[in-house]
């Protein structure tokens, strides 16, 4: 069949050159050939892009949303929706527990992998031992596109469970705003004091927005002096810009 020949040409093209030169609809078209047999997937790929507006939003969509598009059944919806979580798992596995994060670049790069494709705010906790080895990474809370609740009790419980002596908390702003709200600052300060009371040090709070990160510690929200545990490298110090003061976003964080 003509469709079979087109499918095979797409596959051979990928094998020979990867995805370089592929248009977004062609990438979707190729992926759909593995879930939708004996059907021309080109129109379906175009319908997906038209419905969701962009390639990345197609991959971020929930299976139920994907199945609202004509031609997408449960198999295709499952395949498409698992790609971003699979890549996130790949990146996290490449940075296994037990490693040492030597500097802010390592720390921020690791934190950024946790939020790949996340449409809502999430709060993660990184647990460290006394040698700064990463013991565990735990998802503490899931939120909405605008907020996530940071509850110190849950953070303390997780740290004690792993016998950690140090911690980094990180959360994301799906709207790509790299400016922390006043609520972010206040609850971070409170968590630091709570952890100090049980002998655990809060090394940093990393805010992730897209492919950018913001360190509360590097900007003086946790300590007056620049930290020595996750230092900036020379090129990072040269490129660092002072924080612009902006009105806080309207976000609420619970503090029990």
Foldseek 3Di string as FASTA:
>chain_A
DVLVVVLVVLVVVCVVPNCVPPDLLSVLQNQCCVQDPPDRCSVQSVQLCVVQVDSLSSLLDQLVVSVVGPPDDNRSSVSSPCVQVVVLVVVQVVVDFFDAQQAPVSVLVNLQSNCGSPQWKWKKKFFAAPVRTTQDIDTQWTDGLFETADELVSVVVVNVVSVGQEMEMEMERAVQDADAAPQVLVVVQVSQVVSVVVRHHYPWYWYDGPSDIDTCQCQQSHHNDRDDRHHDDPVCVVPDDHDDDDHGDPYDYDYD
